[in-house]
Amino acid sequence: MWRKVRIGILLLILLFVALNTWFDRVYSTDWQNPLRVAVFPINGDDSAVSARYVQSLDGAHLLPLENFFAEEGKAYDVKPVPPIRLSLAAPIRELPPQLEPGTGRLGVMLWSLRARWWASRAEGPPGSEIKLFVLYHDPQRTSSLPHSTGLQKGLFGIVHVFADKRMAGSNDTVIAHELLHTLGASDKYGADNLPRFPDGYAEPQRQPRYPQQFAELMGGRIPVSAGEAEIPESLQQVVIGPLTATEIGWSPR
């Protein structure tokens, strides 16, 4: 008797979670109203450099991202304009749960649940639909950053960037990339970090093919030869390609 009750309760919880995830996905990509994104800056390495950088941030730092999505949205006749509104939330101190390299499938599932619980406790501006937690790191301490993650389940991203004004443009590219992951966009690069042809190329029909002038956002880099690609310096060197647009609910060109 009680075993059946427990099973029934568990099934109801699973059904509720599944429905909630489905509704989140539908409403976050219906584009009837601007998608509201809260950006939480975090001192990612407990350094004085990162602390100063986080304190220097204001809403103006988010305008290049907002303008990028507005311009790319026009190419797909997306309404409203801008399709995405970003708001700077207050900095938070607590770091997100860490996912260690080489973690197995079960470990990833457990990490995902912990991360969703951690993200749910952050209070963003009223009406926020997506949360991006941006962890800043002193580039003098580390030359390579932890892997960034954008999760559609839970509608949040954990993004690692550098605490350096000279890298603000490339930081914006990483933030935009992870934001689109939360909306269902897939990576378009291979294990070698090279963009996949043709969907990971901004101009797959370009002749000669190399060098490309722009990066496709989910391809991540600008292909300059068959075996080499460069990180874009700003969002002015980035576009959203047709497949990515379709994945997030924008009409293809």
Protein backbone atom coordinates (compact mmCIF):
# COMPACT_ATOMS: atom_id res chain seq x y z
CA MET A 1 0.00 0.00 0.00
CA TRP A 2 2.58 2.60 1.15
CA ARG A 3 5.00 1.44 -1.53
CA LYS A 4 2.41 2.21 -4.21
CA VAL A 5 1.76 5.62 -2.64
CA ARG A 6 5.48 6.44 -2.66
CA ILE A 7 5.79 5.33 -6.28
CA GLY A 8 2.75 7.41 -7.19
CA ILE A 9 4.20 10.51 -5.49
CA LEU A 10 7.54 9.99 -7.26
CA LEU A 11 5.80 9.68 -10.64
CA LEU A 12 3.86 12.89 -9.98
CA ILE A 13 7.10 14.71 -9.11
CA LEU A 14 8.75 13.43 -12.29
CA LEU A 15 5.71 14.49 -14.33
CA PHE A 16 5.79 17.95 -12.76
CA VAL A 17 9.51 18.35 -13.52
CA ALA A 18 9.01 17.19 -17.13
CA LEU A 19 6.09 19.57 -17.70
CA ASN A 20 7.95 22.45 -16.08
CA THR A 21 10.95 21.83 -18.34
CA TRP A 22 8.70 21.68 -21.41
CA PHE A 23 6.92 24.93 -20.53
CA ASP A 24 10.27 26.63 -19.85
CA ARG A 25 11.49 25.63 -23.29
CA VAL A 26 8.32 26.72 -25.07
CA TYR A 27 7.96 30.10 -23.38
CA SER A 28 11.66 30.98 -23.55
CA THR A 29 11.64 30.67 -27.36
CA ASP A 30 8.21 31.90 -28.39
CA TRP A 31 9.62 35.42 -28.99
CA GLN A 32 6.33 37.14 -28.27
CA ASN A 33 8.09 39.36 -25.75
CA PRO A 34 11.76 40.17 -25.10
CA LEU A 35 13.54 37.35 -23.31
CA ARG A 36 14.77 38.68 -19.96
CA VAL A 37 18.21 37.50 -18.88
CA ALA A 38 19.81 38.17 -15.50
CA VAL A 39 23.62 38.27 -15.46
CA PHE A 40 25.25 37.51 -12.10
CA PRO A 41 28.95 38.49 -11.90
CA ILE A 42 31.13 36.36 -9.63
CA ASN A 43 34.74 36.60 -8.51
CA GLY A 44 35.72 33.20 -9.88
CA ASP A 45 39.21 32.89 -8.43
CA ASP A 46 39.01 34.96 -5.22
CA SER A 47 41.63 37.35 -6.55
CA ALA A 48 41.89 41.09 -6.03
CA VAL A 49 42.01 41.62 -9.80
CA SER A 50 38.74 39.78 -10.35
CA ALA A 51 37.15 41.52 -7.37
CA ARG A 52 37.98 44.96 -8.80
CA TYR A 53 36.74 43.95 -12.23
CA VAL A 54 33.42 42.68 -10.88
CA GLN A 55 32.93 45.91 -8.91
CA SER A 56 33.59 47.97 -12.05
CA LEU A 57 30.78 46.36 -14.03
CA ASP A 58 27.56 48.20 -14.80
CA GLY A 59 24.64 47.82 -17.17
CA ALA A 60 26.58 49.44 -20.03
CA HIS A 61 28.82 46.35 -20.17
CA LEU A 62 25.82 44.35 -21.40
CA LEU A 63 24.87 46.66 -24.27
CA PRO A 64 27.16 45.00 -26.86
CA LEU A 65 25.41 41.68 -26.16
CA GLU A 66 21.95 43.20 -26.36
CA ASN A 67 22.82 45.07 -29.56
CA PHE A 68 24.27 41.92 -31.11
CA PHE A 69 21.07 39.95 -30.61
CA ALA A 70 19.02 42.89 -31.88
CA GLU A 71 21.03 43.10 -35.12
CA GLU A 72 21.07 39.35 -35.69
CA GLY A 73 17.35 39.15 -34.93
CA LYS A 74 16.63 41.66 -37.69
CA ALA A 75 18.21 39.28 -40.21
CA TYR A 76 15.57 36.70 -39.23
CA ASP A 77 12.71 39.21 -38.89
CA VAL A 78 12.40 38.43 -35.17
CA LYS A 79 9.95 40.47 -33.16
CA PRO A 80 10.21 42.15 -30.69
CA VAL A 81 13.33 44.28 -31.05
CA PRO A 82 15.55 43.72 -29.18
CA PRO A 83 14.63 40.04 -28.73
CA ILE A 84 16.79 39.73 -25.61
CA ARG A 85 17.09 42.11 -22.66
CA LEU A 86 20.00 41.66 -20.26
CA SER A 87 20.11 43.04 -16.73
CA LEU A 88 23.10 43.10 -14.41
CA ALA A 89 22.24 41.45 -11.10
CA ALA A 90 24.10 42.03 -7.85
CA PRO A 91 27.38 40.09 -7.55
CA ILE A 92 27.17 36.85 -5.60
CA ARG A 93 29.86 35.17 -3.55
CA GLU A 94 28.92 31.50 -3.61
CA LEU A 95 30.62 29.55 -6.38
CA PRO A 96 28.63 27.02 -8.41
CA PRO A 97 29.14 23.27 -7.96
CA GLN A 98 32.18 22.07 -9.88
CA LEU A 99 32.08 19.38 -12.54
CA GLU A 100 35.40 17.58 -12.54
CA PRO A 101 36.91 16.51 -15.89
CA GLY A 102 36.21 12.89 -16.72
CA THR A 103 33.07 12.68 -14.58
CA GLY A 104 30.85 9.76 -15.61
CA ARG A 105 27.24 9.96 -16.71
CA LEU A 106 25.81 9.45 -13.22
CA GLY A 107 28.15 12.08 -11.82
CA VAL A 108 27.07 14.54 -14.52
CA MET A 109 23.42 13.92 -13.68
CA LEU A 110 24.06 14.54 -9.98
CA TRP A 111 26.06 17.66 -10.78
CA SER A 112 23.22 18.93 -12.97
CA LEU A 113 20.71 18.53 -10.13
CA ARG A 114 23.03 20.28 -7.66
CA ALA A 115 23.72 23.09 -10.14
CA ARG A 116 20.01 23.60 -10.83
CA TRP A 117 19.33 23.81 -7.10
CA TRP A 118 22.22 26.26 -6.65
CA ALA A 119 21.00 28.43 -9.54
CA SER A 120 17.40 28.44 -8.33
CA ARG A 121 18.40 30.20 -5.11
CA ALA A 122 19.85 33.27 -6.86
CA GLU A 123 17.44 36.20 -6.89
CA GLY A 124 17.62 38.17 -10.12
CA PRO A 125 15.73 41.24 -11.31
CA PRO A 126 11.92 40.77 -11.44
CA GLY A 127 10.75 38.92 -14.53
CA SER A 128 14.08 37.24 -15.28
CA GLU A 129 13.60 34.06 -17.29
CA ILE A 130 17.23 32.99 -17.72
CA LYS A 131 20.15 33.30 -15.31
CA LEU A 132 23.75 33.58 -16.45
CA PHE A 133 26.42 33.23 -13.79
CA VAL A 134 29.60 34.82 -15.15
CA LEU A 135 32.77 33.90 -13.25
CA TYR A 136 35.71 36.25 -13.79
CA HIS A 137 39.32 35.04 -13.58
CA ASP A 138 42.59 36.94 -13.38
CA PRO A 139 44.42 36.16 -16.68
CA GLN A 140 47.76 36.46 -14.86
CA ARG A 141 46.78 33.49 -12.71
CA THR A 142 45.47 31.23 -15.45
CA SER A 143 45.87 31.06 -19.20
CA SER A 144 43.05 28.56 -19.71
CA LEU A 145 39.58 28.70 -18.25
CA PRO A 146 37.28 25.96 -16.92
CA HIS A 147 34.64 24.72 -19.33
CA SER A 148 31.56 26.93 -19.55
CA THR A 149 28.07 25.41 -19.59
CA GLY A 150 24.62 26.50 -20.69
CA LEU A 151 21.72 24.28 -19.63
CA GLN A 152 18.27 24.33 -21.17
CA LYS A 153 16.95 22.36 -18.20
CA GLY A 154 16.78 25.03 -15.57
CA LEU A 155 17.46 27.87 -18.04
CA PHE A 156 20.83 28.94 -16.66
CA GLY A 157 24.44 29.13 -17.69
CA ILE A 158 27.77 29.01 -15.86
CA VAL A 159 30.28 31.05 -17.86
CA HIS A 160 34.02 31.46 -17.25
CA VAL A 161 35.71 34.57 -18.66
CA PHE A 162 38.74 36.78 -18.04
CA ALA A 163 38.78 39.80 -15.74
CA ASP A 164 40.45 42.04 -18.32
CA LYS A 165 38.91 44.94 -20.25
CA ARG A 166 41.02 44.02 -23.28
CA MET A 167 39.20 40.67 -23.43
CA ALA A 168 35.68 42.09 -23.05
CA GLY A 169 34.84 41.37 -26.69
CA SER A 170 35.88 37.73 -26.60
CA ASN A 171 34.18 37.40 -23.21
CA ASP A 172 30.94 38.61 -24.79
CA THR A 173 31.23 35.91 -27.46
CA VAL A 174 31.49 33.20 -24.80
CA ILE A 175 28.54 34.64 -22.87
CA ALA A 176 26.38 34.81 -26.01
CA HIS A 177 27.36 31.24 -26.92
CA GLU A 178 26.31 29.84 -23.55
CA LEU A 179 23.12 31.90 -23.54
CA LEU A 180 22.03 30.25 -26.78
CA HIS A 181 22.76 26.83 -25.26
CA THR A 182 20.08 27.59 -22.66
CA LEU A 183 17.66 28.13 -25.57
CA GLY A 184 18.45 24.82 -27.24
CA ALA A 185 21.24 25.73 -29.67
CA SER A 186 23.83 23.01 -30.25
CA ASP A 187 27.60 23.25 -30.56
CA LYS A 188 28.84 23.34 -34.14
CA TYR A 189 32.49 22.48 -33.65
CA GLY A 190 34.35 19.20 -33.34
CA ALA A 191 36.64 17.64 -30.75
CA ASP A 192 39.51 19.61 -32.31
CA ASN A 193 37.65 22.88 -31.55
CA LEU A 194 37.42 23.61 -35.28
CA PRO A 195 34.02 24.73 -36.63
CA ARG A 196 32.13 22.03 -38.50
CA PHE A 197 31.37 22.67 -42.14
CA PRO A 198 28.88 23.90 -43.22
CA ASP A 199 26.73 24.75 -40.15
CA GLY A 200 29.64 25.99 -38.04
CA TYR A 201 30.70 28.46 -40.76
CA ALA A 202 29.33 31.98 -41.03
CA GLU A 203 29.78 31.99 -44.82
CA PRO A 204 29.81 28.37 -46.01
CA GLN A 205 29.33 29.46 -49.66
CA ARG A 206 32.29 31.85 -49.62
CA GLN A 207 34.78 31.35 -52.49
CA PRO A 208 37.55 30.80 -51.82
CA ARG A 209 36.37 29.22 -48.60
CA TYR A 210 39.34 30.45 -46.56
CA PRO A 211 39.90 32.66 -44.78
CA GLN A 212 36.41 33.24 -43.41
CA GLN A 213 35.66 36.77 -42.18
CA PHE A 214 33.27 35.88 -39.37
CA ALA A 215 32.56 33.20 -36.78
CA GLU A 216 29.23 31.41 -36.50
CA LEU A 217 28.30 31.87 -32.84
CA MET A 218 27.89 28.18 -32.02
CA GLY A 219 30.88 27.27 -34.21
CA GLY A 220 32.85 29.48 -31.88
CA ARG A 221 35.81 30.45 -34.07
CA ILE A 222 36.71 32.05 -37.40
CA PRO A 223 38.09 29.40 -39.79
CA VAL A 224 41.19 30.82 -41.49
CA SER A 225 42.28 27.56 -43.10
CA ALA A 226 41.17 23.92 -43.19
CA GLY A 227 43.10 23.23 -39.98
CA GLU A 228 43.17 26.57 -38.17
CA ALA A 229 40.58 28.86 -36.60
CA GLU A 230 40.84 32.04 -34.55
CA ILE A 231 38.85 33.25 -31.55
CA PRO A 232 36.79 36.33 -32.52
CA GLU A 233 37.86 39.52 -30.78
CA SER A 234 34.31 40.85 -30.47
CA LEU A 235 30.72 40.15 -31.43
CA GLN A 236 31.25 42.34 -34.51
CA GLN A 237 33.04 39.31 -35.96
CA VAL A 238 30.19 36.90 -35.14
CA VAL A 239 26.88 35.94 -36.76
CA ILE A 240 24.05 33.53 -35.96
CA GLY A 241 23.73 30.96 -38.72
CA PRO A 242 20.49 29.47 -40.12
CA LEU A 243 20.61 26.17 -38.20
CA THR A 244 21.31 27.92 -34.90
CA ALA A 245 18.47 30.35 -35.62
CA THR A 246 16.09 27.46 -36.26
CA GLU A 247 17.15 25.72 -33.03
CA ILE A 248 16.22 28.78 -30.93
CA GLY A 249 12.93 29.42 -32.70
CA TRP A 250 13.99 32.07 -35.18
CA SER A 251 12.90 31.68 -38.80
CA PRO A 252 15.71 30.74 -41.20
CA ARG A 253 16.77 33.23 -43.83
